[in-house]
PDB file of N, CA and C in Angstrom:
ATOM      1  N   MET A   1     102.494  11.739  34.338  1.00  0.00           N
ATOM      2  CA  MET A   1     101.974  10.914  35.419  1.00  0.00           C
ATOM      3  C   MET A   1     101.394  11.826  36.501  1.00  0.00           C
ATOM      4  N   ARG A   2     100.447  11.256  37.216  1.00  0.00           N
ATOM      5  CA  ARG A   2      99.797  11.978  38.298  1.00  0.00           C
ATOM      6  C   ARG A   2      99.855  11.126  39.559  1.00  0.00           C
ATOM      7  N   GLU A   3     100.200  11.744  40.682  1.00  0.00           N
ATOM      8  CA  GLU A   3     100.256  11.026  41.962  1.00  0.00           C
ATOM      9  C   GLU A   3      98.854  10.929  42.553  1.00  0.00           C
ATOM     10  N   VAL A   4      98.522   9.743  43.094  1.00  0.00           N
ATOM     11  CA  VAL A   4      97.216   9.493  43.694  1.00  0.00           C
ATOM     12  C   VAL A   4      97.430   8.892  45.073  1.00  0.00           C
ATOM     13  N   THR A   5      96.637   9.327  46.057  1.00  0.00           N
ATOM     14  CA  THR A   5      96.639   8.729  47.393  1.00  0.00           C
ATOM     15  C   THR A   5      95.287   8.069  47.610  1.00  0.00           C
ATOM     16  N   PHE A   6      95.293   6.794  48.000  1.00  0.00           N
ATOM     17  CA  PHE A   6      94.079   6.014  48.217  1.00  0.00           C
ATOM     18  C   PHE A   6      93.673   6.058  49.682  1.00  0.00           C
ATOM     19  N   ASP A   7      92.449   5.626  49.964  1.00  0.00           N
ATOM     20  CA  ASP A   7      92.008   5.476  51.352  1.00  0.00           C
ATOM     21  C   ASP A   7      92.991   4.556  52.071  1.00  0.00           C
ATOM     22  N   GLY A   8      93.340   4.884  53.276  1.00  0.00           N
ATOM     23  CA  GLY A   8      94.283   4.079  54.029  1.00  0.00           C
ATOM     24  C   GLY A   8      95.728   4.488  53.793  1.00  0.00           C
ATOM     25  N   GLY A   9      95.954   5.473  52.917  1.00  0.00           N
ATOM     26  CA  GLY A   9      97.299   5.992  52.702  1.00  0.00           C
ATOM     27  C   GLY A   9      98.092   5.370  51.581  1.00  0.00           C
ATOM     28  N   GLY A  10      97.508   4.404  50.848  1.00  0.00           N
ATOM     29  CA  GLY A  10      98.217   3.827  49.707  1.00  0.00           C
ATOM     30  C   GLY A  10      98.463   4.877  48.640  1.00  0.00           C
ATOM     31  N   ARG A  11      99.552   4.730  47.895  1.00  0.00           N
ATOM     32  CA  ARG A  11      99.898   5.714  46.867  1.00  0.00           C
ATOM     33  C   ARG A  11     100.202   5.028  45.550  1.00  0.00           C
ATOM     34  N   ALA A  12      99.994   5.769  44.477  1.00  0.00           N
ATOM     35  CA  ALA A  12     100.258   5.273  43.132  1.00  0.00           C
ATOM     36  C   ALA A  12     100.537   6.461  42.220  1.00  0.00           C
ATOM     37  N   VAL A  13     101.065   6.167  41.052  1.00  0.00           N
ATOM     38  CA  VAL A  13     101.129   7.157  39.974  1.00  0.00           C
ATOM     39  C   VAL A  13     100.272   6.619  38.842  1.00  0.00           C
ATOM     40  N   THR A  14      99.477   7.479  38.247  1.00  0.00           N
ATOM     41  CA  THR A  14      98.582   7.078  37.175  1.00  0.00           C
ATOM     42  C   THR A  14      98.973   7.781  35.887  1.00  0.00           C
ATOM     43  N   PHE A  15      98.663   7.125  34.785  1.00  0.00           N
ATOM     44  CA  PHE A  15      98.897   7.706  33.458  1.00  0.00           C
ATOM     45  C   PHE A  15      97.886   7.068  32.534  1.00  0.00           C
ATOM     46  N   GLY A  16      97.010   7.886  31.961  1.00  0.00           N
ATOM     47  CA  GLY A  16      95.940   7.333  31.146  1.00  0.00           C
ATOM     48  C   GLY A  16      95.045   6.461  32.004  1.00  0.00           C
ATOM     49  N   HIS A  17      94.780   5.244  31.547  1.00  0.00           N
ATOM     50  CA  HIS A  17      93.940   4.312  32.296  1.00  0.00           C
ATOM     51  C   HIS A  17      94.769   3.295  33.069  1.00  0.00           C
ATOM     52  N   SER A  18      96.057   3.520  33.212  1.00  0.00           N
ATOM     53  CA  SER A  18      96.945   2.573  33.892  1.00  0.00           C
ATOM     54  C   SER A  18      97.551   3.229  35.118  1.00  0.00           C
ATOM     55  N   LYS A  19      98.129   2.385  35.991  1.00  0.00           N
ATOM     56  CA  LYS A  19      98.760   2.932  37.181  1.00  0.00           C
ATOM     57  C   LYS A  19      99.876   2.017  37.657  1.00  0.00           C
ATOM     58  N   ILE A  20     100.749   2.579  38.460  1.00  0.00           N
ATOM     59  CA  ILE A  20     101.788   1.837  39.162  1.00  0.00           C
ATOM     60  C   ILE A  20     101.551   2.084  40.644  1.00  0.00           C
ATOM     61  N   ASN A  21     101.250   1.008  41.388  1.00  0.00           N
ATOM     62  CA  ASN A  21     101.069   1.119  42.834  1.00  0.00           C
ATOM     63  C   ASN A  21     102.439   1.155  43.493  1.00  0.00           C
ATOM     64  N   LEU A  22     102.615   2.058  44.442  1.00  0.00           N
ATOM     65  CA  LEU A  22     103.872   2.196  45.167  1.00  0.00           C
ATOM     66  C   LEU A  22     103.694   1.619  46.562  1.00  0.00           C
ATOM     67  N   HIS A  23     104.722   0.941  47.062  1.00  0.00           N
ATOM     68  CA  HIS A  23     104.649   0.292  48.370  1.00  0.00           C
ATOM     69  C   HIS A  23     105.662   0.911  49.320  1.00  0.00           C
ATOM     70  N   ARG A  24     105.256   1.093  50.575  1.00  0.00           N
ATOM     71  CA  ARG A  24     106.184   1.537  51.611  1.00  0.00           C
ATOM     72  C   ARG A  24     106.854   0.309  52.195  1.00  0.00           C
ATOM     73  N   SER A  25     108.152   0.367  52.346  1.00  0.00           N
ATOM     74  CA  SER A  25     108.899  -0.760  52.890  1.00  0.00           C
ATOM     75  C   SER A  25     108.365  -1.128  54.270  1.00  0.00           C
ATOM     76  N   GLY A  26     108.017  -2.428  54.420  1.00  0.00           N
ATOM     77  CA  GLY A  26     107.498  -2.923  55.683  1.00  0.00           C
ATOM     78  C   GLY A  26     106.003  -2.728  55.841  1.00  0.00           C
ATOM     79  N   ARG A  27     105.361  -2.035  54.893  1.00  0.00           N
ATOM     80  CA  ARG A  27     103.918  -1.794  54.969  1.00  0.00           C
ATOM     81  C   ARG A  27     103.277  -2.103  53.609  1.00  0.00           C
ATOM     82  N   GLU A  28     103.754  -3.145  52.953  1.00  0.00           N
ATOM     83  CA  GLU A  28     103.271  -3.505  51.637  1.00  0.00           C
ATOM     84  C   GLU A  28     101.818  -3.956  51.708  1.00  0.00           C
ATOM     85  N   SER A  29     101.063  -3.650  50.674  1.00  0.00           N
ATOM     86  CA  SER A  29      99.665  -4.071  50.625  1.00  0.00           C
ATOM     87  C   SER A  29      99.556  -5.390  49.871  1.00  0.00           C
ATOM     88  N   GLU A  30      98.434  -6.047  50.004  1.00  0.00           N
ATOM     89  CA  GLU A  30      98.180  -7.301  49.291  1.00  0.00           C
ATOM     90  C   GLU A  30      97.387  -7.016  48.029  1.00  0.00           C
ATOM     91  N   PRO A  31      97.597  -7.769  46.980  1.00  0.00           N
ATOM     92  CA  PRO A  31      98.674  -8.748  46.835  1.00  0.00           C
ATOM     93  C   PRO A  31      99.996  -8.018  46.647  1.00  0.00           C
ATOM     94  N   GLN A  32     101.074  -8.733  46.833  1.00  0.00           N
ATOM     95  CA  GLN A  32     102.396  -8.127  46.707  1.00  0.00           C
ATOM     96  C   GLN A  32     103.350  -9.089  46.037  1.00  0.00           C
ATOM     97  N   ALA A  33     104.502  -8.575  45.693  1.00  0.00           N
ATOM     98  CA  ALA A  33     105.544  -9.400  45.078  1.00  0.00           C
ATOM     99  C   ALA A  33     106.020 -10.455  46.078  1.00  0.00           C
ATOM    100  N   GLU A  34     106.658 -11.487  45.559  1.00  0.00           N
ATOM    101  CA  GLU A  34     107.188 -12.528  46.448  1.00  0.00           C
ATOM    102  C   GLU A  34     108.172 -11.950  47.443  1.00  0.00           C
ATOM    103  N   ARG A  35     109.024 -11.053  47.000  1.00  0.00           N
ATOM    104  CA  ARG A  35     110.019 -10.415  47.854  1.00  0.00           C
ATOM    105  C   ARG A  35     110.014  -8.904  47.579  1.00  0.00           C
ATOM    106  N   PRO A  36     109.032  -8.174  48.130  1.00  0.00           N
ATOM    107  CA  PRO A  36     108.991  -6.737  47.882  1.00  0.00           C
ATOM    108  C   PRO A  36     110.232  -6.060  48.448  1.00  0.00           C
ATOM    109  N   THR A  37     110.766  -5.116  47.729  1.00  0.00           N
ATOM    110  CA  THR A  37     111.968  -4.409  48.146  1.00  0.00           C
ATOM    111  C   THR A  37     111.706  -2.905  48.101  1.00  0.00           C
ATOM    112  N   PRO A  38     112.449  -2.134  48.908  1.00  0.00           N
ATOM    113  CA  PRO A  38     112.276  -0.682  48.862  1.00  0.00           C
ATOM    114  C   PRO A  38     112.460  -0.168  47.431  1.00  0.00           C
ATOM    115  N   GLY A  39     111.565   0.713  47.042  1.00  0.00           N
ATOM    116  CA  GLY A  39     111.624   1.277  45.692  1.00  0.00           C
ATOM    117  C   GLY A  39     110.849   0.483  44.663  1.00  0.00           C
ATOM    118  N   SER A  40     110.262  -0.639  45.070  1.00  0.00           N
ATOM    119  CA  SER A  40     109.522  -1.459  44.112  1.00  0.00           C
ATOM    120  C   SER A  40     108.068  -1.015  44.041  1.00  0.00           C
ATOM    121  N   GLY A  41     107.358  -1.539  43.077  1.00  0.00           N
ATOM    122  CA  GLY A  41     105.941  -1.254  42.917  1.00  0.00           C
ATOM    123  C   GLY A  41     105.308  -2.381  42.143  1.00  0.00           C
ATOM    124  N   ASP A  42     104.029  -2.262  41.858  1.00  0.00           N
ATOM    125  CA  ASP A  42     103.393  -3.261  41.010  1.00  0.00           C
ATOM    126  C   ASP A  42     102.659  -2.543  39.886  1.00  0.00           C
ATOM    127  N   LEU A  43     102.535  -3.222  38.782  1.00  0.00           N
ATOM    128  CA  LEU A  43     101.890  -2.656  37.607  1.00  0.00           C
ATOM    129  C   LEU A  43     100.465  -3.161  37.494  1.00  0.00           C
ATOM    130  N   CYS A  44      99.575  -2.295  37.106  1.00  0.00           N
ATOM    131  CA  CYS A  44      98.186  -2.664  36.852  1.00  0.00           C
ATOM    132  C   CYS A  44      97.911  -2.394  35.381  1.00  0.00           C
ATOM    133  N   PHE A  45      97.475  -3.420  34.661  1.00  0.00           N
ATOM    134  CA  PHE A  45      97.187  -3.282  33.244  1.00  0.00           C
ATOM    135  C   PHE A  45      95.689  -3.354  33.007  1.00  0.00           C
ATOM    136  N   ILE A  46      95.201  -2.502  32.125  1.00  0.00           N
ATOM    137  CA  ILE A  46      93.823  -2.579  31.664  1.00  0.00           C
ATOM    138  C   ILE A  46      93.898  -3.039  30.217  1.00  0.00           C
ATOM    139  N   VAL A  47      93.269  -4.185  29.924  1.00  0.00           N
ATOM    140  CA  VAL A  47      93.351  -4.767  28.585  1.00  0.00           C
ATOM    141  C   VAL A  47      91.960  -5.077  28.047  1.00  0.00           C
ATOM    142  N   ASP A  48      91.871  -5.160  26.727  1.00  0.00           N
ATOM    143  CA  ASP A  48      90.603  -5.479  26.060  1.00  0.00           C
ATOM    144  C   ASP A  48      90.407  -6.983  25.900  1.00  0.00           C
ATOM    145  N   GLN A  49      91.464  -7.762  26.108  1.00  0.00           N
ATOM    146  CA  GLN A  49      91.360  -9.209  25.933  1.00  0.00           C
ATOM    147  C   GLN A  49      91.033  -9.870  27.272  1.00  0.00           C
ATOM    148  N   SER A  50      90.801 -11.176  27.243  1.00  0.00           N
ATOM    149  CA  SER A  50      90.520 -11.886  28.490  1.00  0.00           C
ATOM    150  C   SER A  50      91.788 -11.952  29.347  1.00  0.00           C
ATOM    151  N   LEU A  51      91.599 -12.169  30.639  1.00  0.00           N
ATOM    152  CA  LEU A  51      92.730 -12.305  31.550  1.00  0.00           C
ATOM    153  C   LEU A  51      93.631 -13.461  31.127  1.00  0.00           C
ATOM    154  N   ASP A  52      93.037 -14.598  30.746  1.00  0.00           N
ATOM    155  CA  ASP A  52      93.834 -15.751  30.322  1.00  0.00           C
ATOM    156  C   ASP A  52      94.671 -15.434  29.085  1.00  0.00           C
ATOM    157  N   GLN A  53      94.115 -14.675  28.147  1.00  0.00           N
ATOM    158  CA  GLN A  53      94.874 -14.298  26.947  1.00  0.00           C
ATOM    159  C   GLN A  53      96.035 -13.373  27.310  1.00  0.00           C
ATOM    160  N   ALA A  54      95.776 -12.423  28.200  1.00  0.00           N
ATOM    161  CA  ALA A  54      96.837 -11.503  28.610  1.00  0.00           C
ATOM    162  C   ALA A  54      97.968 -12.243  29.317  1.00  0.00           C
ATOM    163  N   VAL A  55      97.621 -13.176  30.216  1.00  0.00           N
ATOM    164  CA  VAL A  55      98.639 -13.960  30.928  1.00  0.00           C
ATOM    165  C   VAL A  55      99.425 -14.821  29.949  1.00  0.00           C
ATOM    166  N   ALA A  56      98.748 -15.438  28.983  1.00  0.00           N
ATOM    167  CA  ALA A  56      99.430 -16.263  27.978  1.00  0.00           C
ATOM    168  C   ALA A  56     100.401 -15.417  27.152  1.00  0.00           C
ATOM    169  N   GLU A  57      99.993 -14.209  26.807  1.00  0.00           N
ATOM    170  CA  GLU A  57     100.888 -13.339  26.028  1.00  0.00           C
ATOM    171  C   GLU A  57     102.124 -12.968  26.836  1.00  0.00           C
ATOM    172  N   LEU A  58     101.951 -12.646  28.105  1.00  0.00           N
ATOM    173  CA  LEU A  58     103.108 -12.350  28.953  1.00  0.00           C
ATOM    174  C   LEU A  58     104.009 -13.571  29.081  1.00  0.00           C
ATOM    175  N   ALA A  59     103.419 -14.748  29.308  1.00  0.00           N
ATOM    176  CA  ALA A  59     104.200 -15.981  29.437  1.00  0.00           C
ATOM    177  C   ALA A  59     104.992 -16.269  28.175  1.00  0.00           C
ATOM    178  N   SER A  60     104.406 -15.998  27.005  1.00  0.00           N
ATOM    179  CA  SER A  60     105.107 -16.252  25.742  1.00  0.00           C
ATOM    180  C   SER A  60     106.339 -15.359  25.592  1.00  0.00           C
ATOM    181  N   ARG A  61     106.387 -14.301  26.369  1.00  0.00           N
ATOM    182  CA  ARG A  61     107.529 -13.369  26.337  1.00  0.00           C
ATOM    183  C   ARG A  61     108.445 -13.551  27.548  1.00  0.00           C
ATOM    184  N   GLY A  62     108.200 -14.629  28.321  1.00  0.00           N
ATOM    185  CA  GLY A  62     109.068 -14.934  29.454  1.00  0.00           C
ATOM    186  C   GLY A  62     108.786 -14.122  30.705  1.00  0.00           C
ATOM    187  N   VAL A  63     107.597 -13.511  30.800  1.00  0.00           N
ATOM    188  CA  VAL A  63     107.248 -12.702  31.972  1.00  0.00           C
ATOM    189  C   VAL A  63     106.370 -13.539  32.899  1.00  0.00           C
ATOM    190  N   PRO A  64     106.863 -13.862  34.096  1.00  0.00           N
ATOM    191  CA  PRO A  64     106.046 -14.653  35.022  1.00  0.00           C
ATOM    192  C   PRO A  64     104.945 -13.794  35.645  1.00  0.00           C
ATOM    193  N   VAL A  65     103.802 -14.397  35.881  1.00  0.00           N
ATOM    194  CA  VAL A  65     102.699 -13.726  36.563  1.00  0.00           C
ATOM    195  C   VAL A  65     102.551 -14.360  37.930  1.00  0.00           C
ATOM    196  N   ILE A  66     102.686 -13.560  38.973  1.00  0.00           N
ATOM    197  CA  ILE A  66     102.624 -14.059  40.336  1.00  0.00           C
ATOM    198  C   ILE A  66     101.183 -14.137  40.830  1.00  0.00           C
ATOM    199  N   SER A  67     100.373 -13.166  40.435  1.00  0.00           N
ATOM    200  CA  SER A  67      99.002 -13.099  40.908  1.00  0.00           C
ATOM    201  C   SER A  67      98.109 -12.562  39.805  1.00  0.00           C
ATOM    202  N   LYS A  68      96.914 -13.136  39.686  1.00  0.00           N
ATOM    203  CA  LYS A  68      95.939 -12.659  38.715  1.00  0.00           C
ATOM    204  C   LYS A  68      94.710 -12.194  39.473  1.00  0.00           C
ATOM    205  N   LEU A  69      94.325 -10.960  39.275  1.00  0.00           N
ATOM    206  CA  LEU A  69      93.119 -10.425  39.907  1.00  0.00           C
ATOM    207  C   LEU A  69      92.161  -9.961  38.821  1.00  0.00           C
ATOM    208  N   ARG A  70      90.942 -10.324  38.983  1.00  0.00           N
ATOM    209  CA  ARG A  70      89.913  -9.831  38.061  1.00  0.00           C
ATOM    210  C   ARG A  70      89.174  -8.710  38.775  1.00  0.00           C
ATOM    211  N   THR A  71      89.199  -7.525  38.178  1.00  0.00           N
ATOM    212  CA  THR A  71      88.447  -6.399  38.727  1.00  0.00           C
ATOM    213  C   THR A  71      87.626  -5.781  37.610  1.00  0.00           C
ATOM    214  N   VAL A  72      86.654  -5.031  38.007  1.00  0.00           N
ATOM    215  CA  VAL A  72      85.783  -4.396  37.020  1.00  0.00           C
ATOM    216  C   VAL A  72      85.883  -2.901  37.171  1.00  0.00           C
TER     217      VAL A  72
END
């Protein structure tokens, strides 16, 4: 993994084409978890399928999706 700092001071760790965004307690960025806690982060997935297919696959495995963002 490699540590990355974004404009504005946001931080993440990257590996391959994926990353985990890290949040500072009390200074969480949007979008965020319903109840962000110290030590938490969010996962960013890059997939070859449509967003709806990816969400359906997660739902079929019991993983709730709080927010869906389409980026390019």
